[in-house]
C-alpha atoms as a PDB file:
ATOM      1  CA  UNK A   1     171.742 169.853 155.742  1.00  0.00           C
ATOM      2  CA  UNK A   2     167.942 170.221 155.806  1.00  0.00           C
ATOM      3  CA  UNK A   3     168.266 173.954 156.482  1.00  0.00           C
ATOM      4  CA  UNK A   4     170.553 174.334 153.474  1.00  0.00           C
ATOM      5  CA  UNK A   5     168.191 172.399 151.188  1.00  0.00           C
ATOM      6  CA  UNK A   6     165.243 174.520 152.392  1.00  0.00           C
ATOM      7  CA  UNK A   7     167.276 177.656 151.610  1.00  0.00           C
ATOM      8  CA  UNK A   8     168.077 176.358 148.119  1.00  0.00           C
ATOM      9  CA  UNK A   9     164.394 175.615 147.409  1.00  0.00           C
ATOM     10  CA  UNK A  10     162.939 178.807 148.884  1.00  0.00           C
ATOM     11  CA  UNK A  11     165.456 181.245 147.473  1.00  0.00           C
ATOM     12  CA  UNK A  12     165.434 179.819 143.953  1.00  0.00           C
ATOM     13  CA  UNK A  13     169.173 179.141 143.938  1.00  0.00           C
ATOM     14  CA  UNK A  14     168.853 176.434 141.299  1.00  0.00           C
ATOM     15  CA  UNK A  15     166.896 178.767 139.006  1.00  0.00           C
ATOM     16  CA  UNK A  16     169.502 181.453 139.579  1.00  0.00           C
ATOM     17  CA  UNK A  17     172.288 179.036 138.652  1.00  0.00           C
ATOM     18  CA  UNK A  18     170.463 177.973 135.481  1.00  0.00           C
ATOM     19  CA  UNK A  19     169.824 181.603 134.564  1.00  0.00           C
ATOM     20  CA  UNK A  20     173.464 182.468 135.163  1.00  0.00           C
ATOM     21  CA  UNK A  21     174.643 179.611 132.946  1.00  0.00           C
ATOM     22  CA  UNK A  22     172.238 180.550 130.151  1.00  0.00           C
ATOM     23  CA  UNK A  23     173.094 184.241 130.504  1.00  0.00           C
ATOM     24  CA  UNK A  24     176.792 183.474 130.328  1.00  0.00           C
ATOM     25  CA  UNK A  25     176.358 181.430 127.155  1.00  0.00           C
ATOM     26  CA  UNK A  26     174.164 184.138 125.621  1.00  0.00           C
ATOM     27  CA  UNK A  27     176.763 186.748 126.567  1.00  0.00           C
ATOM     28  CA  UNK A  28     179.508 184.790 124.840  1.00  0.00           C
ATOM     29  CA  UNK A  29     177.391 184.390 121.713  1.00  0.00           C
ATOM     30  CA  UNK A  30     176.564 188.095 121.582  1.00  0.00           C
ATOM     31  CA  UNK A  31     180.204 189.010 122.239  1.00  0.00           C
ATOM     32  CA  UNK A  32     181.243 186.868 119.276  1.00  0.00           C
ATOM     33  CA  UNK A  33     178.535 188.494 117.160  1.00  0.00           C
ATOM     34  CA  UNK A  34     179.708 191.988 118.103  1.00  0.00           C
ATOM     35  CA  UNK A  35     183.410 191.253 117.635  1.00  0.00           C
ATOM     36  CA  UNK A  36     183.009 189.429 114.319  1.00  0.00           C
ATOM     37  CA  UNK A  37     180.048 191.240 112.760  1.00  0.00           C
ATOM     38  CA  UNK A  38     179.199 194.614 114.281  1.00  0.00           C
ATOM     39  CA  UNK A  39     182.713 195.924 115.026  1.00  0.00           C
ATOM     40  CA  UNK A  40     183.999 195.249 111.472  1.00  0.00           C
ATOM     41  CA  UNK A  41     180.990 197.097 110.025  1.00  0.00           C
ATOM     42  CA  UNK A  42     181.541 200.064 112.352  1.00  0.00           C
ATOM     43  CA  UNK A  43     185.254 199.959 111.522  1.00  0.00           C
ATOM     44  CA  UNK A  44     184.467 199.963 107.810  1.00  0.00           C
ATOM     45  CA  UNK A  45     182.182 202.971 108.231  1.00  0.00           C
ATOM     46  CA  UNK A  46     184.974 204.726 110.131  1.00  0.00           C
ATOM     47  CA  UNK A  47     187.358 204.186 107.227  1.00  0.00           C
ATOM     48  CA  UNK A  48     188.662 200.694 107.814  1.00  0.00           C
ATOM     49  CA  UNK A  49     189.792 201.201 111.395  1.00  0.00           C
ATOM     50  CA  UNK A  50     189.933 198.249 113.772  1.00  0.00           C
ATOM     51  CA  UNK A  51     188.069 199.468 116.844  1.00  0.00           C
ATOM     52  CA  UNK A  52     190.170 197.517 119.313  1.00  0.00           C
ATOM     53  CA  UNK A  53     193.334 199.035 117.842  1.00  0.00           C
ATOM     54  CA  UNK A  54     192.271 202.678 118.141  1.00  0.00           C
ATOM     55  CA  UNK A  55     194.327 204.609 120.650  1.00  0.00           C
ATOM     56  CA  UNK A  56     195.423 208.105 121.544  1.00  0.00           C
ATOM     57  CA  UNK A  57     199.149 208.595 122.060  1.00  0.00           C
ATOM     58  CA  UNK A  58     199.584 211.230 124.750  1.00  0.00           C
ATOM     59  CA  UNK A  59     203.334 210.846 125.259  1.00  0.00           C
ATOM     60  CA  UNK A  60     205.609 209.349 122.634  1.00  0.00           C
ATOM     61  CA  UNK A  61     208.941 207.901 123.731  1.00  0.00           C
ATOM     62  CA  UNK A  62     211.833 210.287 123.122  1.00  0.00           C
ATOM     63  CA  UNK A  63     214.222 207.409 122.537  1.00  0.00           C
ATOM     64  CA  UNK A  64     214.185 203.665 121.965  1.00  0.00           C
ATOM     65  CA  UNK A  65     212.998 201.980 125.150  1.00  0.00           C
ATOM     66  CA  UNK A  66     211.639 205.260 126.561  1.00  0.00           C
ATOM     67  CA  UNK A  67     208.346 205.577 128.370  1.00  0.00           C
ATOM     68  CA  UNK A  68     205.135 206.224 126.445  1.00  0.00           C
ATOM     69  CA  UNK A  69     201.545 206.936 127.377  1.00  0.00           C
ATOM     70  CA  UNK A  70     198.805 205.651 125.108  1.00  0.00           C
ATOM     71  CA  UNK A  71     195.077 205.417 125.841  1.00  0.00           C
ATOM     72  CA  UNK A  72     193.293 202.553 124.063  1.00  0.00           C
ATOM     73  CA  UNK A  73     189.858 204.076 123.649  1.00  0.00           C
ATOM     74  CA  UNK A  74     188.940 201.658 120.850  1.00  0.00           C
ATOM     75  CA  UNK A  75     188.779 198.726 123.255  1.00  0.00           C
ATOM     76  CA  UNK A  76     186.477 200.750 125.515  1.00  0.00           C
ATOM     77  CA  UNK A  77     184.164 201.574 122.599  1.00  0.00           C
ATOM     78  CA  UNK A  78     184.128 197.914 121.600  1.00  0.00           C
ATOM     79  CA  UNK A  79     183.273 196.854 125.159  1.00  0.00           C
ATOM     80  CA  UNK A  80     180.447 199.389 125.361  1.00  0.00           C
ATOM     81  CA  UNK A  81     179.000 198.125 122.055  1.00  0.00           C
ATOM     82  CA  UNK A  82     179.202 194.556 123.408  1.00  0.00           C
ATOM     83  CA  UNK A  83     177.512 195.564 126.676  1.00  0.00           C
ATOM     84  CA  UNK A  84     174.670 197.317 124.865  1.00  0.00           C
ATOM     85  CA  UNK A  85     174.196 194.367 122.495  1.00  0.00           C
ATOM     86  CA  UNK A  86     174.102 191.832 125.354  1.00  0.00           C
ATOM     87  CA  UNK A  87     171.657 194.006 127.310  1.00  0.00           C
ATOM     88  CA  UNK A  88     169.405 194.370 124.242  1.00  0.00           C
ATOM     89  CA  UNK A  89     169.385 190.626 123.521  1.00  0.00           C
ATOM     90  CA  UNK A  90     168.576 189.736 127.138  1.00  0.00           C
ATOM     91  CA  UNK A  91     165.856 192.419 127.263  1.00  0.00           C
ATOM     92  CA  UNK A  92     164.371 191.124 124.004  1.00  0.00           C
ATOM     93  CA  UNK A  93     164.375 187.498 125.207  1.00  0.00           C
ATOM     94  CA  UNK A  94     162.782 188.397 128.556  1.00  0.00           C
ATOM     95  CA  UNK A  95     160.074 190.519 126.906  1.00  0.00           C
ATOM     96  CA  UNK A  96     159.250 188.055 124.101  1.00  0.00           C
ATOM     97  CA  UNK A  97     159.082 185.023 126.397  1.00  0.00           C
ATOM     98  CA  UNK A  98     157.029 186.844 129.034  1.00  0.00           C
ATOM     99  CA  UNK A  99     159.477 186.066 131.804  1.00  0.00           C
ATOM    100  CA  UNK A 100     159.018 189.570 133.190  1.00  0.00           C
ATOM    101  CA  UNK A 101     155.349 188.826 133.883  1.00  0.00           C
ATOM    102  CA  UNK A 102     155.711 185.440 135.548  1.00  0.00           C
ATOM    103  CA  UNK A 103     154.019 185.024 138.920  1.00  0.00           C
ATOM    104  CA  UNK A 104     155.819 182.195 140.637  1.00  0.00           C
ATOM    105  CA  UNK A 105     154.679 180.819 143.967  1.00  0.00           C
ATOM    106  CA  UNK A 106     157.099 178.885 146.120  1.00  0.00           C
ATOM    107  CA  UNK A 107     155.451 175.764 147.572  1.00  0.00           C
ATOM    108  CA  UNK A 108     155.815 175.327 151.315  1.00  0.00           C
END
């Protein structure tokens, strides 16, 4: 058990867990912001389209119950916007708080 506790202290596992929890919460907040604020604005600019509903129908079914092929590129665009927004917010927080310049020494 002592070896495990030494590993936890030296490797910063607790700090990593805290950072992961905060990052997850920040990610959820930014995702909500993108889905409820940014995507509707982009959709409005594109003529009222809902980004998540945009798709390209490659094969339409010939009959009722037939097979179709549709690519939902709108969901991909929405996910990319969310990813970029989350990355920007995390970058901004790290830069403004100076966390990228911290010099932490682990006590022995």
